[in-house]
Amino acid sequence: MNHKSKRIINILLVVCILITSFVGSAYATRFVFSDSVGHWAEDAINNLARKGVIHGYPDGLSHPDEIIYKGRIFCSFSKNYGT
């Protein structure tokens, strides 16, 4: 590879990294559940959502006061850890 093509590839890589960092941060802001605001477990819920461990319910809420059954926990573990 000549110097010019290496420079172009480096510029493209930097642009890709910048784009993915902005897209990732915009995607992460989506994981603030409106029903967990002010809840005693708000920080834990938002941290788990940012890490992708929990995704909330189809209505876009986390239902923090709802009972979590064993089946739901096992489903979450199997989705996150591929077992």
PDB file of N, CA and C in Angstrom:
ATOM      1  N   MET A   1       0.841  -1.185   0.000  1.00  0.00           N
ATOM      2  CA  MET A   1       0.000   0.000   0.000  1.00  0.00           C
ATOM      3  C   MET A   1       0.883   1.244   0.000  1.00  0.00           C
ATOM      4  N   ASN A   2       0.450   2.187  -0.755  1.00  0.00           N
ATOM      5  CA  ASN A   2       1.212   3.428  -0.764  1.00  0.00           C
ATOM      6  C   ASN A   2       0.722   4.359   0.362  1.00  0.00           C
ATOM      7  N   HIS A   3       1.427   5.425   0.551  1.00  0.00           N
ATOM      8  CA  HIS A   3       1.163   6.355   1.647  1.00  0.00           C
ATOM      9  C   HIS A   3      -0.234   6.974   1.536  1.00  0.00           C
ATOM     10  N   LYS A   4      -0.656   7.284   0.323  1.00  0.00           N
ATOM     11  CA  LYS A   4      -1.956   7.936   0.110  1.00  0.00           C
ATOM     12  C   LYS A   4      -3.115   7.015   0.501  1.00  0.00           C
ATOM     13  N   SER A   5      -3.050   5.746   0.119  1.00  0.00           N
ATOM     14  CA  SER A   5      -4.145   4.820   0.449  1.00  0.00           C
ATOM     15  C   SER A   5      -4.184   4.529   1.953  1.00  0.00           C
ATOM     16  N   LYS A   6      -3.022   4.468   2.605  1.00  0.00           N
ATOM     17  CA  LYS A   6      -2.996   4.280   4.055  1.00  0.00           C
ATOM     18  C   LYS A   6      -3.637   5.467   4.768  1.00  0.00           C
ATOM     19  N   ARG A   7      -3.381   6.639   4.266  1.00  0.00           N
ATOM     20  CA  ARG A   7      -3.946   7.847   4.868  1.00  0.00           C
ATOM     21  C   ARG A   7      -5.471   7.853   4.721  1.00  0.00           C
ATOM     22  N   ILE A   8      -5.954   7.475   3.556  1.00  0.00           N
ATOM     23  CA  ILE A   8      -7.401   7.419   3.322  1.00  0.00           C
ATOM     24  C   ILE A   8      -8.051   6.404   4.248  1.00  0.00           C
ATOM     25  N   ILE A   9      -7.435   5.235   4.401  1.00  0.00           N
ATOM     26  CA  ILE A   9      -7.979   4.207   5.284  1.00  0.00           C
ATOM     27  C   ILE A   9      -7.996   4.699   6.726  1.00  0.00           C
ATOM     28  N   ASN A  10      -6.940   5.360   7.156  1.00  0.00           N
ATOM     29  CA  ASN A  10      -6.888   5.897   8.516  1.00  0.00           C
ATOM     30  C   ASN A  10      -7.983   6.939   8.750  1.00  0.00           C
ATOM     31  N   ILE A  11      -8.202   7.795   7.783  1.00  0.00           N
ATOM     32  CA  ILE A  11      -9.255   8.808   7.908  1.00  0.00           C
ATOM     33  C   ILE A  11     -10.618   8.139   7.990  1.00  0.00           C
ATOM     34  N   LEU A  12     -10.854   7.138   7.144  1.00  0.00           N
ATOM     35  CA  LEU A  12     -12.129   6.420   7.190  1.00  0.00           C
ATOM     36  C   LEU A  12     -12.337   5.718   8.537  1.00  0.00           C
ATOM     37  N   LEU A  13     -11.288   5.134   9.078  1.00  0.00           N
ATOM     38  CA  LEU A  13     -11.391   4.488  10.386  1.00  0.00           C
ATOM     39  C   LEU A  13     -11.738   5.488  11.482  1.00  0.00           C
ATOM     40  N   VAL A  14     -11.117   6.641  11.462  1.00  0.00           N
ATOM     41  CA  VAL A  14     -11.413   7.673  12.457  1.00  0.00           C
ATOM     42  C   VAL A  14     -12.865   8.137  12.324  1.00  0.00           C
ATOM     43  N   VAL A  15     -13.330   8.327  11.103  1.00  0.00           N
ATOM     44  CA  VAL A  15     -14.719   8.735  10.881  1.00  0.00           C
ATOM     45  C   VAL A  15     -15.678   7.662  11.390  1.00  0.00           C
ATOM     46  N   CYS A  16     -15.384   6.404  11.124  1.00  0.00           N
ATOM     47  CA  CYS A  16     -16.237   5.307  11.608  1.00  0.00           C
ATOM     48  C   CYS A  16     -16.279   5.262  13.127  1.00  0.00           C
ATOM     49  N   ILE A  17     -15.143   5.454  13.756  1.00  0.00           N
ATOM     50  CA  ILE A  17     -15.095   5.448  15.220  1.00  0.00           C
ATOM     51  C   ILE A  17     -15.914   6.604  15.784  1.00  0.00           C
ATOM     52  N   LEU A  18     -15.789   7.778  15.195  1.00  0.00           N
ATOM     53  CA  LEU A  18     -16.561   8.930  15.666  1.00  0.00           C
ATOM     54  C   LEU A  18     -18.059   8.716  15.488  1.00  0.00           C
ATOM     55  N   ILE A  19     -18.452   8.179  14.352  1.00  0.00           N
ATOM     56  CA  ILE A  19     -19.872   7.939  14.094  1.00  0.00           C
ATOM     57  C   ILE A  19     -20.433   6.922  15.076  1.00  0.00           C
ATOM     58  N   THR A  20     -19.717   5.829  15.305  1.00  0.00           N
ATOM     59  CA  THR A  20     -20.229   4.812  16.220  1.00  0.00           C
ATOM     60  C   THR A  20     -20.272   5.311  17.651  1.00  0.00           C
ATOM     61  N   SER A  21     -19.369   6.196  18.041  1.00  0.00           N
ATOM     62  CA  SER A  21     -19.423   6.721  19.406  1.00  0.00           C
ATOM     63  C   SER A  21     -20.645   7.616  19.592  1.00  0.00           C
ATOM     64  N   PHE A  22     -21.004   8.398  18.575  1.00  0.00           N
ATOM     65  CA  PHE A  22     -22.196   9.230  18.681  1.00  0.00           C
ATOM     66  C   PHE A  22     -23.462   8.402  18.619  1.00  0.00           C
ATOM     67  N   VAL A  23     -23.508   7.412  17.766  1.00  0.00           N
ATOM     68  CA  VAL A  23     -24.679   6.558  17.649  1.00  0.00           C
ATOM     69  C   VAL A  23     -24.864   5.752  18.929  1.00  0.00           C
ATOM     70  N   GLY A  24     -23.784   5.251  19.493  1.00  0.00           N
ATOM     71  CA  GLY A  24     -23.861   4.484  20.728  1.00  0.00           C
ATOM     72  C   GLY A  24     -24.383   5.307  21.880  1.00  0.00           C
ATOM     73  N   SER A  25     -23.961   6.557  21.998  1.00  0.00           N
ATOM     74  CA  SER A  25     -24.429   7.389  23.094  1.00  0.00           C
ATOM     75  C   SER A  25     -25.893   7.777  22.896  1.00  0.00           C
ATOM     76  N   ALA A  26     -26.317   7.965  21.657  1.00  0.00           N
ATOM     77  CA  ALA A  26     -27.723   8.263  21.403  1.00  0.00           C
ATOM     78  C   ALA A  26     -28.585   7.045  21.705  1.00  0.00           C
ATOM     79  N   TYR A  27     -28.086   5.869  21.406  1.00  0.00           N
ATOM     80  CA  TYR A  27     -28.821   4.648  21.689  1.00  0.00           C
ATOM     81  C   TYR A  27     -28.922   4.418  23.191  1.00  0.00           C
ATOM     82  N   ALA A  28     -27.873   4.745  23.931  1.00  0.00           N
ATOM     83  CA  ALA A  28     -27.861   4.526  25.374  1.00  0.00           C
ATOM     84  C   ALA A  28     -28.862   5.420  26.086  1.00  0.00           C
ATOM     85  N   THR A  29     -29.128   6.610  25.573  1.00  0.00           N
ATOM     86  CA  THR A  29     -30.075   7.505  26.237  1.00  0.00           C
ATOM     87  C   THR A  29     -31.494   6.962  26.155  1.00  0.00           C
ATOM     88  N   ARG A  30     -31.741   6.036  25.262  1.00  0.00           N
ATOM     89  CA  ARG A  30     -33.057   5.435  25.127  1.00  0.00           C
ATOM     90  C   ARG A  30     -33.429   4.616  26.353  1.00  0.00           C
ATOM     91  N   PHE A  31     -32.450   4.158  27.102  1.00  0.00           N
ATOM     92  CA  PHE A  31     -32.709   3.263  28.212  1.00  0.00           C
ATOM     93  C   PHE A  31     -32.945   3.991  29.533  1.00  0.00           C
ATOM     94  N   VAL A  32     -33.725   5.037  29.501  1.00  0.00           N
ATOM     95  CA  VAL A  32     -34.202   5.668  30.720  1.00  0.00           C
ATOM     96  C   VAL A  32     -35.698   5.436  30.744  1.00  0.00           C
ATOM     97  N   PHE A  33     -36.109   4.560  31.615  1.00  0.00           N
ATOM     98  CA  PHE A  33     -37.520   4.204  31.694  1.00  0.00           C
ATOM     99  C   PHE A  33     -38.264   5.256  32.509  1.00  0.00           C
ATOM    100  N   SER A  34     -39.340   5.780  31.960  1.00  0.00           N
ATOM    101  CA  SER A  34     -40.067   6.856  32.638  1.00  0.00           C
ATOM    102  C   SER A  34     -40.700   6.395  33.946  1.00  0.00           C
ATOM    103  N   ASP A  35     -41.036   5.111  34.052  1.00  0.00           N
ATOM    104  CA  ASP A  35     -41.660   4.647  35.290  1.00  0.00           C
ATOM    105  C   ASP A  35     -40.651   4.336  36.393  1.00  0.00           C
ATOM    106  N   SER A  36     -39.358   4.360  36.086  1.00  0.00           N
ATOM    107  CA  SER A  36     -38.358   4.123  37.127  1.00  0.00           C
ATOM    108  C   SER A  36     -37.786   5.417  37.690  1.00  0.00           C
ATOM    109  N   VAL A  37     -38.180   6.568  37.129  1.00  0.00           N
ATOM    110  CA  VAL A  37     -37.693   7.861  37.619  1.00  0.00           C
ATOM    111  C   VAL A  37     -38.224   8.077  39.034  1.00  0.00           C
ATOM    112  N   GLY A  38     -37.298   8.299  39.968  1.00  0.00           N
ATOM    113  CA  GLY A  38     -37.677   8.501  41.362  1.00  0.00           C
ATOM    114  C   GLY A  38     -37.817   7.221  42.156  1.00  0.00           C
ATOM    115  N   HIS A  39     -37.725   6.093  41.500  1.00  0.00           N
ATOM    116  CA  HIS A  39     -37.828   4.801  42.181  1.00  0.00           C
ATOM    117  C   HIS A  39     -36.541   4.531  42.944  1.00  0.00           C
ATOM    118  N   TRP A  40     -36.616   3.801  44.041  1.00  0.00           N
ATOM    119  CA  TRP A  40     -35.422   3.537  44.853  1.00  0.00           C
ATOM    120  C   TRP A  40     -34.355   2.759  44.088  1.00  0.00           C
ATOM    121  N   ALA A  41     -34.747   2.013  43.049  1.00  0.00           N
ATOM    122  CA  ALA A  41     -33.796   1.222  42.265  1.00  0.00           C
ATOM    123  C   ALA A  41     -33.508   1.844  40.898  1.00  0.00           C
ATOM    124  N   GLU A  42     -33.779   3.131  40.770  1.00  0.00           N
ATOM    125  CA  GLU A  42     -33.622   3.803  39.468  1.00  0.00           C
ATOM    126  C   GLU A  42     -32.208   3.656  38.909  1.00  0.00           C
ATOM    127  N   ASP A  43     -31.193   3.890  39.714  1.00  0.00           N
ATOM    128  CA  ASP A  43     -29.816   3.796  39.230  1.00  0.00           C
ATOM    129  C   ASP A  43     -29.473   2.384  38.766  1.00  0.00           C
ATOM    130  N   ALA A  44     -29.880   1.395  39.538  1.00  0.00           N
ATOM    131  CA  ALA A  44     -29.593   0.006  39.172  1.00  0.00           C
ATOM    132  C   ALA A  44     -30.320  -0.385  37.892  1.00  0.00           C
ATOM    133  N   ILE A  45     -31.568   0.028  37.756  1.00  0.00           N
ATOM    134  CA  ILE A  45     -32.354  -0.280  36.555  1.00  0.00           C
ATOM    135  C   ILE A  45     -31.708   0.347  35.327  1.00  0.00           C
ATOM    136  N   ASN A  46     -31.327   1.611  35.426  1.00  0.00           N
ATOM    137  CA  ASN A  46     -30.720   2.292  34.279  1.00  0.00           C
ATOM    138  C   ASN A  46     -29.353   1.721  33.942  1.00  0.00           C
ATOM    139  N   ASN A  47     -28.563   1.346  34.949  1.00  0.00           N
ATOM    140  CA  ASN A  47     -27.252   0.735  34.689  1.00  0.00           C
ATOM    141  C   ASN A  47     -27.405  -0.606  33.978  1.00  0.00           C
ATOM    142  N   LEU A  48     -28.337  -1.430  34.445  1.00  0.00           N
ATOM    143  CA  LEU A  48     -28.559  -2.728  33.800  1.00  0.00           C
ATOM    144  C   LEU A  48     -29.078  -2.554  32.373  1.00  0.00           C
ATOM    145  N   ALA A  49     -29.898  -1.550  32.163  1.00  0.00           N
ATOM    146  CA  ALA A  49     -30.409  -1.293  30.812  1.00  0.00           C
ATOM    147  C   ALA A  49     -29.288  -0.824  29.892  1.00  0.00           C
ATOM    148  N   ARG A  50     -28.402   0.060  30.381  1.00  0.00           N
ATOM    149  CA  ARG A  50     -27.279   0.529  29.557  1.00  0.00           C
ATOM    150  C   ARG A  50     -26.345  -0.614  29.191  1.00  0.00           C
ATOM    151  N   LYS A  51     -26.192  -1.578  30.094  1.00  0.00           N
ATOM    152  CA  LYS A  51     -25.315  -2.722  29.834  1.00  0.00           C
ATOM    153  C   LYS A  51     -25.997  -3.770  28.966  1.00  0.00           C
ATOM    154  N   GLY A  52     -27.296  -3.614  28.721  1.00  0.00           N
ATOM    155  CA  GLY A  52     -28.019  -4.556  27.879  1.00  0.00           C
ATOM    156  C   GLY A  52     -28.517  -5.786  28.602  1.00  0.00           C
ATOM    157  N   VAL A  53     -28.465  -5.771  29.939  1.00  0.00           N
ATOM    158  CA  VAL A  53     -28.927  -6.929  30.712  1.00  0.00           C
ATOM    159  C   VAL A  53     -30.446  -6.977  30.733  1.00  0.00           C
ATOM    160  N   ILE A  54     -31.083  -5.825  30.869  1.00  0.00           N
ATOM    161  CA  ILE A  54     -32.544  -5.759  30.822  1.00  0.00           C
ATOM    162  C   ILE A  54     -32.948  -4.851  29.669  1.00  0.00           C
ATOM    163  N   HIS A  55     -34.132  -5.088  29.137  1.00  0.00           N
ATOM    164  CA  HIS A  55     -34.596  -4.332  27.978  1.00  0.00           C
ATOM    165  C   HIS A  55     -35.960  -3.698  28.205  1.00  0.00           C
ATOM    166  N   GLY A  56     -36.560  -3.978  29.308  1.00  0.00           N
ATOM    167  CA  GLY A  56     -37.880  -3.437  29.572  1.00  0.00           C
ATOM    168  C   GLY A  56     -38.955  -4.252  28.878  1.00  0.00           C
ATOM    169  N   TYR A  57     -40.166  -3.776  29.026  1.00  0.00           N
ATOM    170  CA  TYR A  57     -41.321  -4.444  28.441  1.00  0.00           C
ATOM    171  C   TYR A  57     -41.675  -3.808  27.102  1.00  0.00           C
ATOM    172  N   PRO A  58     -42.511  -4.460  26.304  1.00  0.00           N
ATOM    173  CA  PRO A  58     -42.869  -3.904  24.983  1.00  0.00           C
ATOM    174  C   PRO A  58     -43.479  -2.509  25.033  1.00  0.00           C
ATOM    175  N   ASP A  59     -44.064  -2.131  26.179  1.00  0.00           N
ATOM    176  CA  ASP A  59     -44.646  -0.792  26.284  1.00  0.00           C
ATOM    177  C   ASP A  59     -43.608   0.287  26.577  1.00  0.00           C
ATOM    178  N   GLY A  60     -42.317  -0.104  26.644  1.00  0.00           N
ATOM    179  CA  GLY A  60     -41.247   0.857  26.861  1.00  0.00           C
ATOM    180  C   GLY A  60     -40.997   1.195  28.320  1.00  0.00           C
ATOM    181  N   LEU A  61     -41.609   0.457  29.222  1.00  0.00           N
ATOM    182  CA  LEU A  61     -41.448   0.703  30.652  1.00  0.00           C
ATOM    183  C   LEU A  61     -40.715  -0.463  31.306  1.00  0.00           C
ATOM    184  N   SER A  62     -40.246  -0.235  32.542  1.00  0.00           N
ATOM    185  CA  SER A  62     -39.514  -1.295  33.242  1.00  0.00           C
ATOM    186  C   SER A  62     -40.361  -1.990  34.303  1.00  0.00           C
ATOM    187  N   HIS A  63     -41.475  -1.398  34.699  1.00  0.00           N
ATOM    188  CA  HIS A  63     -42.357  -1.948  35.738  1.00  0.00           C
ATOM    189  C   HIS A  63     -41.555  -2.359  36.978  1.00  0.00           C
ATOM    190  N   PRO A  64     -40.906  -1.394  37.648  1.00  0.00           N
ATOM    191  CA  PRO A  64     -39.996  -1.739  38.742  1.00  0.00           C
ATOM    192  C   PRO A  64     -40.669  -2.352  39.969  1.00  0.00           C
ATOM    193  N   ASP A  65     -41.944  -2.126  40.162  1.00  0.00           N
ATOM    194  CA  ASP A  65     -42.625  -2.678  41.342  1.00  0.00           C
ATOM    195  C   ASP A  65     -43.328  -4.001  41.047  1.00  0.00           C
ATOM    196  N   GLU A  66     -43.199  -4.492  39.827  1.00  0.00           N
ATOM    197  CA  GLU A  66     -43.837  -5.751  39.458  1.00  0.00           C
ATOM    198  C   GLU A  66     -43.004  -6.929  39.960  1.00  0.00           C
ATOM    199  N   ILE A  67     -43.655  -7.993  40.332  1.00  0.00           N
ATOM    200  CA  ILE A  67     -42.961  -9.196  40.810  1.00  0.00           C
ATOM    201  C   ILE A  67     -42.222  -9.852  39.650  1.00  0.00           C
ATOM    202  N   ILE A  68     -40.975 -10.242  39.898  1.00  0.00           N
ATOM    203  CA  ILE A  68     -40.188 -10.936  38.883  1.00  0.00           C
ATOM    204  C   ILE A  68     -40.185 -12.419  39.221  1.00  0.00           C
ATOM    205  N   TYR A  69     -40.717 -13.227  38.328  1.00  0.00           N
ATOM    206  CA  TYR A  69     -40.773 -14.668  38.544  1.00  0.00           C
ATOM    207  C   TYR A  69     -39.507 -15.347  38.035  1.00  0.00           C
ATOM    208  N   LYS A  70     -39.279 -16.556  38.513  1.00  0.00           N
ATOM    209  CA  LYS A  70     -38.076 -17.307  38.125  1.00  0.00           C
ATOM    210  C   LYS A  70     -37.965 -17.464  36.617  1.00  0.00           C
ATOM    211  N   GLY A  71     -39.063 -17.709  35.971  1.00  0.00           N
ATOM    212  CA  GLY A  71     -39.037 -17.888  34.519  1.00  0.00           C
ATOM    213  C   GLY A  71     -38.501 -16.668  33.789  1.00  0.00           C
ATOM    214  N   ARG A  72     -38.893 -15.477  34.252  1.00  0.00           N
ATOM    215  CA  ARG A  72     -38.426 -14.234  33.639  1.00  0.00           C
ATOM    216  C   ARG A  72     -36.917 -14.070  33.850  1.00  0.00           C
ATOM    217  N   ILE A  73     -36.436 -14.418  35.038  1.00  0.00           N
ATOM    218  CA  ILE A  73     -35.007 -14.322  35.331  1.00  0.00           C
ATOM    219  C   ILE A  73     -34.215 -15.280  34.452  1.00  0.00           C
ATOM    220  N   PHE A  74     -34.695 -16.527  34.335  1.00  0.00           N
ATOM    221  CA  PHE A  74     -34.006 -17.507  33.500  1.00  0.00           C
ATOM    222  C   PHE A  74     -33.998 -17.091  32.035  1.00  0.00           C
ATOM    223  N   CYS A  75     -35.101 -16.517  31.563  1.00  0.00           N
ATOM    224  CA  CYS A  75     -35.146 -16.025  30.177  1.00  0.00           C
ATOM    225  C   CYS A  75     -34.125 -14.914  29.963  1.00  0.00           C
ATOM    226  N   SER A  76     -34.031 -14.014  30.930  1.00  0.00           N
ATOM    227  CA  SER A  76     -33.079 -12.916  30.821  1.00  0.00           C
ATOM    228  C   SER A  76     -31.644 -13.451  30.798  1.00  0.00           C
ATOM    229  N   PHE A  77     -31.327 -14.404  31.681  1.00  0.00           N
ATOM    230  CA  PHE A  77     -29.989 -14.974  31.691  1.00  0.00           C
ATOM    231  C   PHE A  77     -29.673 -15.698  30.388  1.00  0.00           C
ATOM    232  N   SER A  78     -30.642 -16.444  29.873  1.00  0.00           N
ATOM    233  CA  SER A  78     -30.375 -17.192  28.650  1.00  0.00           C
ATOM    234  C   SER A  78     -30.187 -16.272  27.449  1.00  0.00           C
ATOM    235  N   LYS A  79     -30.919 -15.170  27.409  1.00  0.00           N
ATOM    236  CA  LYS A  79     -30.737 -14.208  26.316  1.00  0.00           C
ATOM    237  C   LYS A  79     -29.396 -13.509  26.396  1.00  0.00           C
ATOM    238  N   ASN A  80     -28.968 -13.194  27.621  1.00  0.00           N
ATOM    239  CA  ASN A  80     -27.737 -12.417  27.793  1.00  0.00           C
ATOM    240  C   ASN A  80     -26.478 -13.272  27.765  1.00  0.00           C
ATOM    241  N   TYR A  81     -26.586 -14.515  28.173  1.00  0.00           N
ATOM    242  CA  TYR A  81     -25.385 -15.351  28.261  1.00  0.00           C
ATOM    243  C   TYR A  81     -25.391 -16.506  27.282  1.00  0.00           C
ATOM    244  N   GLY A  82     -26.405 -16.575  26.443  1.00  0.00           N
ATOM    245  CA  GLY A  82     -26.451 -17.541  25.358  1.00  0.00           C
ATOM    246  C   GLY A  82     -26.514 -18.987  25.784  1.00  0.00           C
ATOM    247  N   THR A  83     -27.141 -19.265  26.910  1.00  0.00           N
ATOM    248  CA  THR A  83     -27.251 -20.661  27.353  1.00  0.00           C
ATOM    249  C   THR A  83     -28.594 -21.230  27.019  1.00  0.00           C
TER     250      THR A  83
END
